[in-house]
């Protein structure tokens, strides 16, 4: 695609998600002859929007498309549709980010190693000045374990690539498995309807489900009860895919040994939540994709898509 007028609006409360001078230099190097404007805020963005044929933005409301007669393509770093709605008229091509897996899979790995290598014990022993070497005999290696990844889009595939390199056996779960034969880095690919039968074999269960009504409450108390005793659960997708009380029950009464949680039904996680005080829970504040390289990855992905249009 030949871009005539590029408009950028990538301001965010998270510093790693905000445009920096190095990003502008990177874009100018990719499109040296293209006029480029960086909006200072929503008002400035809307004023410049009628002239733009390509937009990079964090937010775009459905009624804004009417004020963008020349707009052909809109790119957002976000993977979900929470902040950027597709064009109701279907005129503008809206492209969402799919690069997040390279960052989020490292967050997942850190959580897994936290539990497998007993890092919570290490920190507690360090604070107490205890040389607790005998307590590490229960450590276990990923190469001897099975991981079930529920939600096998770009995130799940990237995670499977990394985990398989550590020797873990990976089972992927998709709501619809048609047309996905011979998936790399995966031992098995099963439909969501078969998840309950697979859970008793999983040492780690990873949820990277997309948002939306189709996934709200999709993981039920029945699924928790089917999990392997001593298994660990991780949620880096959407916090609404199960009820928090079902998770807490599975932690308190079995079968779960622990959980690594990055997303929650209510964010920020309320101070009164019972999850905060649990030593068997590792909490990160919806931060699994936050990294210095975030926008660099987005810009390279955007330019690759642009060249293929």
Protein backbone atom coordinates (compact mmCIF):
# COMPACT_ATOMS: atom_id res chain seq x y z
CA UNK A 1 0.00 0.00 0.00
CA UNK A 2 1.24 3.45 -0.91
CA UNK A 3 0.59 5.73 2.10
CA UNK A 4 -0.11 9.36 1.20
CA UNK A 5 -0.78 10.82 4.64
CA UNK A 6 0.10 8.98 7.88
CA UNK A 7 -1.48 10.08 11.18
CA UNK A 8 -0.23 8.69 14.50
CA UNK A 9 -2.01 8.86 17.86
CA UNK A 10 -0.17 6.52 20.24
CA UNK A 11 -0.36 8.14 23.66
CA UNK A 12 -0.96 5.89 26.67
CA UNK A 13 -0.84 6.04 30.46
CA UNK A 14 1.67 3.16 30.36
CA UNK A 15 5.02 4.61 29.29
CA UNK A 16 6.08 1.48 27.37
CA UNK A 17 2.92 1.85 25.24
CA UNK A 18 3.60 5.49 24.30
CA UNK A 19 5.30 6.78 21.16
CA UNK A 20 8.92 7.89 21.61
CA UNK A 21 11.25 9.88 19.32
CA UNK A 22 13.02 6.64 18.38
CA UNK A 23 9.72 5.24 17.07
CA UNK A 24 9.17 8.30 14.89
CA UNK A 25 12.71 7.93 13.54
CA UNK A 26 12.04 4.25 12.82
CA UNK A 27 8.85 5.06 10.90
CA UNK A 28 10.52 7.88 8.94
CA UNK A 29 13.25 5.44 7.94
CA UNK A 30 10.62 3.01 6.66
CA UNK A 31 8.58 5.66 4.80
CA UNK A 32 11.01 8.52 4.09
CA UNK A 33 8.81 10.21 1.52
CA UNK A 34 5.48 9.96 3.36
CA UNK A 35 4.02 12.99 5.19
CA UNK A 36 3.71 12.07 8.86
CA UNK A 37 1.77 13.79 11.64
CA UNK A 38 1.75 12.95 15.36
CA UNK A 39 -1.45 14.02 17.12
CA UNK A 40 -1.09 15.75 20.48
CA UNK A 41 -4.44 14.54 21.80
CA UNK A 42 -7.93 13.47 20.75
CA UNK A 43 -8.91 16.97 19.61
CA UNK A 44 -5.82 17.37 17.44
CA UNK A 45 -6.28 13.82 16.13
CA UNK A 46 -9.87 14.49 15.03
CA UNK A 47 -8.85 17.74 13.34
CA UNK A 48 -6.15 15.98 11.29
CA UNK A 49 -8.19 12.83 10.63
CA UNK A 50 -9.98 13.97 7.40
CA UNK A 51 -6.64 14.17 5.53
CA UNK A 52 -5.24 10.80 6.67
CA UNK A 53 -5.33 7.64 4.59
CA UNK A 54 -3.48 5.53 7.20
CA UNK A 55 -3.76 5.79 11.00
CA UNK A 56 -1.82 4.25 13.88
CA UNK A 57 -3.83 4.65 17.08
CA UNK A 58 -4.77 3.19 20.45
CA UNK A 59 -8.39 4.39 20.28
CA UNK A 60 -10.95 4.90 17.56
CA UNK A 61 -14.68 5.29 18.15
CA UNK A 62 -17.24 3.99 15.61
CA UNK A 63 -18.59 7.45 14.80
CA UNK A 64 -15.10 8.74 13.98
CA UNK A 65 -15.07 6.83 10.68
CA UNK A 66 -17.60 9.29 9.26
CA UNK A 67 -15.04 12.06 9.75
CA UNK A 68 -12.32 10.15 7.92
CA UNK A 69 -13.32 10.17 4.22
CA UNK A 70 -9.81 9.38 2.96
CA UNK A 71 -8.99 6.69 5.51
CA UNK A 72 -8.14 3.31 4.00
CA UNK A 73 -6.41 1.43 6.80
CA UNK A 74 -6.33 1.72 10.57
CA UNK A 75 -3.72 -0.07 12.66
CA UNK A 76 -3.78 -0.50 16.42
CA UNK A 77 -1.30 -2.27 18.72
CA UNK A 78 -4.22 -3.71 20.70
CA UNK A 79 -5.11 -7.35 20.12
CA UNK A 80 -8.72 -6.94 21.29
CA UNK A 81 -11.51 -4.71 20.04
CA UNK A 82 -12.02 -2.91 23.37
CA UNK A 83 -10.63 0.47 22.27
CA UNK A 84 -10.80 0.32 18.48
CA UNK A 85 -14.06 -0.64 16.85
CA UNK A 86 -14.11 -1.88 13.26
CA UNK A 87 -15.65 0.40 10.64
CA UNK A 88 -19.43 -0.16 10.76
CA UNK A 89 -19.60 0.49 7.01
CA UNK A 90 -16.78 -1.90 6.20
CA UNK A 91 -14.99 0.74 4.13
CA UNK A 92 -11.84 1.01 6.28
CA UNK A 93 -9.65 -2.00 6.88
CA UNK A 94 -8.96 -2.30 10.62
CA UNK A 95 -5.86 -4.28 11.66
CA UNK A 96 -5.20 -5.41 15.23
CA UNK A 97 -1.84 -6.31 16.74
CA UNK A 98 -0.76 -9.94 16.75
CA UNK A 99 2.84 -9.50 17.97
CA UNK A 100 2.15 -9.76 21.71
CA UNK A 101 3.08 -13.42 22.04
CA UNK A 102 6.82 -12.75 21.92
CA UNK A 103 6.51 -10.71 25.13
CA UNK A 104 3.70 -12.56 26.88
CA UNK A 105 5.25 -15.98 26.50
CA UNK A 106 8.21 -14.79 28.58
CA UNK A 107 5.78 -13.58 31.27
CA UNK A 108 4.15 -17.00 31.24
CA UNK A 109 7.51 -18.75 31.45
CA UNK A 110 8.48 -16.58 34.43
CA UNK A 111 5.28 -17.62 36.21
CA UNK A 112 5.85 -21.30 35.47
CA UNK A 113 9.43 -21.20 36.70
CA UNK A 114 8.31 -19.32 39.81
CA UNK A 115 6.25 -22.36 40.78
CA UNK A 116 8.44 -25.13 39.33
CA UNK A 117 11.64 -23.78 40.89
CA UNK A 118 9.99 -22.70 44.20
CA UNK A 119 10.99 -19.06 43.85
CA UNK A 120 8.50 -18.02 46.52
CA UNK A 121 10.37 -20.24 48.98
CA UNK A 122 13.67 -18.75 47.81
CA UNK A 123 12.48 -15.21 48.55
CA UNK A 124 11.04 -16.21 51.94
CA UNK A 125 14.26 -18.03 52.88
CA UNK A 126 16.35 -15.04 51.79
CA UNK A 127 14.31 -12.66 53.94
CA UNK A 128 14.66 -15.04 56.91
CA UNK A 129 18.37 -15.73 56.20
CA UNK A 130 17.62 -19.45 55.99
CA UNK A 131 19.76 -21.87 53.94
CA UNK A 132 16.82 -24.09 53.00
CA UNK A 133 18.50 -26.36 50.46
CA UNK A 134 16.64 -29.59 51.45
CA UNK A 135 13.33 -27.97 50.50
CA UNK A 136 14.18 -27.88 46.80
CA UNK A 137 13.78 -31.61 46.20
CA UNK A 138 10.21 -31.00 45.02
CA UNK A 139 11.37 -28.80 42.12
CA UNK A 140 10.32 -30.15 38.74
CA UNK A 141 11.48 -29.44 35.17
CA UNK A 142 9.27 -28.32 32.31
CA UNK A 143 10.65 -31.05 30.05
CA UNK A 144 8.84 -33.65 32.16
CA UNK A 145 5.48 -31.86 32.13
CA UNK A 146 2.38 -31.40 30.00
CA UNK A 147 0.96 -27.94 29.32
CA UNK A 148 -2.58 -27.32 28.09
CA UNK A 149 -3.06 -23.99 26.30
CA UNK A 150 -6.71 -22.94 26.10
CA UNK A 151 -7.13 -20.42 23.30
CA UNK A 152 -4.83 -21.14 20.39
CA UNK A 153 -4.61 -17.94 18.41
CA UNK A 154 -1.36 -16.01 17.82
CA UNK A 155 -0.68 -15.82 21.58
CA UNK A 156 -1.16 -19.52 22.17
CA UNK A 157 0.95 -20.48 19.17
CA UNK A 158 3.83 -18.27 20.30
CA UNK A 159 3.67 -19.73 23.80
CA UNK A 160 3.66 -23.27 22.43
CA UNK A 161 6.80 -22.51 20.40
CA UNK A 162 8.70 -21.39 23.50
CA UNK A 163 7.45 -24.14 25.82
CA UNK A 164 8.17 -26.89 23.32
CA UNK A 165 11.75 -25.63 23.11
CA UNK A 166 12.01 -26.41 26.83
CA UNK A 167 10.78 -29.93 26.15
CA UNK A 168 7.27 -29.50 27.51
CA UNK A 169 4.52 -31.52 25.83
CA UNK A 170 1.84 -29.12 24.65
CA UNK A 171 -1.86 -29.74 24.11
CA UNK A 172 -3.64 -26.92 22.29
CA UNK A 173 -7.35 -26.23 22.75
CA UNK A 174 -9.49 -24.41 20.17
CA UNK A 175 -13.22 -24.01 19.98
CA UNK A 176 -13.02 -25.08 16.33
CA UNK A 177 -10.11 -27.29 15.23
CA UNK A 178 -11.13 -27.68 11.59
CA UNK A 179 -8.32 -26.85 9.17
CA UNK A 180 -5.60 -26.99 11.84
CA UNK A 181 -4.00 -30.36 11.17
CA UNK A 182 -0.24 -30.67 11.74
CA UNK A 183 0.15 -27.62 14.00
CA UNK A 184 3.85 -27.05 14.85
CA UNK A 185 5.13 -27.23 18.45
CA UNK A 186 2.01 -29.08 19.61
CA UNK A 187 1.58 -32.74 20.55
CA UNK A 188 -2.20 -32.65 20.41
CA UNK A 189 -4.90 -30.26 19.18
CA UNK A 190 -8.35 -30.76 20.68
CA UNK A 191 -11.69 -28.92 20.61
CA UNK A 192 -12.87 -27.07 23.71
CA UNK A 193 -15.59 -29.69 24.17
CA UNK A 194 -12.83 -32.23 24.98
CA UNK A 195 -11.03 -30.00 27.52
CA UNK A 196 -12.57 -31.68 30.57
CA UNK A 197 -11.16 -35.04 29.48
CA UNK A 198 -7.66 -33.57 28.96
CA UNK A 199 -7.36 -31.61 32.21
CA UNK A 200 -6.50 -34.61 34.46
CA UNK A 201 -3.24 -35.00 32.48
CA UNK A 202 -2.13 -31.34 32.59
CA UNK A 203 0.55 -30.05 34.97
CA UNK A 204 -0.02 -26.48 33.77
CA UNK A 205 -3.25 -25.02 32.33
CA UNK A 206 -2.81 -21.74 30.44
CA UNK A 207 -5.80 -19.54 29.58
CA UNK A 208 -5.27 -17.05 26.76
CA UNK A 209 -8.87 -16.70 25.67
CA UNK A 210 -10.12 -13.61 23.84
CA UNK A 211 -12.74 -11.34 25.38
CA UNK A 212 -16.41 -11.34 24.49
CA UNK A 213 -19.67 -12.96 25.49
CA UNK A 214 -18.63 -16.29 23.95
CA UNK A 215 -15.83 -16.73 26.51
CA UNK A 216 -17.49 -15.19 29.59
CA UNK A 217 -17.68 -17.97 32.19
CA UNK A 218 -16.55 -20.59 29.68
CA UNK A 219 -14.28 -22.25 32.29
CA UNK A 220 -16.65 -23.67 34.90
CA UNK A 221 -16.42 -25.25 38.33
CA UNK A 222 -16.61 -28.58 36.54
CA UNK A 223 -13.37 -27.80 34.70
CA UNK A 224 -11.60 -26.83 37.92
CA UNK A 225 -12.64 -30.09 39.57
CA UNK A 226 -11.31 -32.06 36.59
CA UNK A 227 -7.78 -30.63 36.89
CA UNK A 228 -4.86 -32.76 38.00
CA UNK A 229 -4.05 -32.63 41.73
CA UNK A 230 -1.04 -30.32 42.14
CA UNK A 231 -1.60 -28.56 38.80
CA UNK A 232 -1.11 -24.82 38.21
CA UNK A 233 -3.43 -22.42 36.40
CA UNK A 234 -2.36 -19.29 34.49
CA UNK A 235 -4.62 -16.60 33.07
CA UNK A 236 -3.12 -14.07 30.65
CA UNK A 237 -6.21 -13.66 28.48
CA UNK A 238 -9.44 -12.30 29.98
CA UNK A 239 -10.43 -12.28 33.64
CA UNK A 240 -14.09 -12.99 32.89
CA UNK A 241 -13.59 -16.54 31.57
CA UNK A 242 -14.24 -18.07 35.03
CA UNK A 243 -15.70 -17.08 38.40
CA UNK A 244 -13.11 -15.96 40.94
CA UNK A 245 -14.86 -17.91 43.68
CA UNK A 246 -14.46 -21.15 41.69
CA UNK A 247 -10.72 -20.48 41.37
CA UNK A 248 -10.35 -19.76 45.09
CA UNK A 249 -12.25 -22.94 45.95
CA UNK A 250 -9.94 -24.97 43.70
CA UNK A 251 -6.92 -23.43 45.47
CA UNK A 252 -8.26 -23.93 48.98
CA UNK A 253 -9.79 -27.38 48.57
CA UNK A 254 -7.90 -28.77 45.60
CA UNK A 255 -6.94 -29.76 43.05
CA UNK A 256 -4.88 -26.62 42.22
CA UNK A 257 -1.47 -26.07 43.82
CA UNK A 258 -1.20 -22.48 42.61
CA UNK A 259 -2.13 -19.88 40.02
CA UNK A 260 -0.35 -17.16 38.05
CA UNK A 261 -2.83 -14.40 37.26
CA UNK A 262 -2.36 -11.32 35.08
CA UNK A 263 -6.01 -10.48 34.34
CA UNK A 264 -9.09 -10.19 36.51
CA UNK A 265 -12.85 -9.68 36.13
CA UNK A 266 -12.48 -6.36 37.95
CA UNK A 267 -9.37 -4.27 37.37
CA UNK A 268 -7.58 -2.98 39.32
CA UNK A 269 -8.03 -6.04 41.50
CA UNK A 270 -9.92 -4.79 44.60
CA UNK A 271 -7.88 -4.61 47.80
CA UNK A 272 -10.53 -6.80 49.46
CA UNK A 273 -9.98 -9.69 47.02
CA UNK A 274 -8.98 -12.92 48.76
CA UNK A 275 -6.42 -13.53 46.01
CA UNK A 276 -4.02 -10.86 47.32
CA UNK A 277 -2.99 -12.66 50.49
CA UNK A 278 -2.50 -16.13 49.05
CA UNK A 279 1.10 -17.41 48.91
CA UNK A 280 0.01 -19.90 46.23
CA UNK A 281 -1.02 -17.09 43.86
CA UNK A 282 1.32 -14.92 41.78
CA UNK A 283 -0.34 -11.66 40.73
CA UNK A 284 0.81 -9.27 38.00
CA UNK A 285 -1.25 -6.11 37.21
CA UNK A 286 -2.34 -6.86 33.63
CA UNK A 287 1.32 -6.43 32.76
CA UNK A 288 2.22 -9.58 30.84
CA UNK A 289 2.63 -7.64 27.58
CA UNK A 290 4.34 -4.55 29.04
CA UNK A 291 7.89 -4.34 27.74
CA UNK A 292 10.28 -1.72 26.38
CA UNK A 293 10.10 -3.39 22.97
CA UNK A 294 6.29 -3.21 22.69
CA UNK A 295 5.87 -0.43 20.14
CA UNK A 296 9.00 -1.47 18.25
CA UNK A 297 7.38 -4.86 17.62
CA UNK A 298 4.11 -3.18 16.63
CA UNK A 299 5.79 -0.84 14.13
CA UNK A 300 7.70 -3.67 12.47
CA UNK A 301 4.50 -5.71 12.25
CA UNK A 302 2.59 -2.73 10.83
CA UNK A 303 5.19 -2.10 8.15
CA UNK A 304 5.25 -5.76 7.16
CA UNK A 305 1.48 -5.77 6.74
CA UNK A 306 1.61 -2.50 4.85
CA UNK A 307 4.10 -3.86 2.32
CA UNK A 308 1.83 -6.86 1.64
CA UNK A 309 -1.34 -4.84 1.01
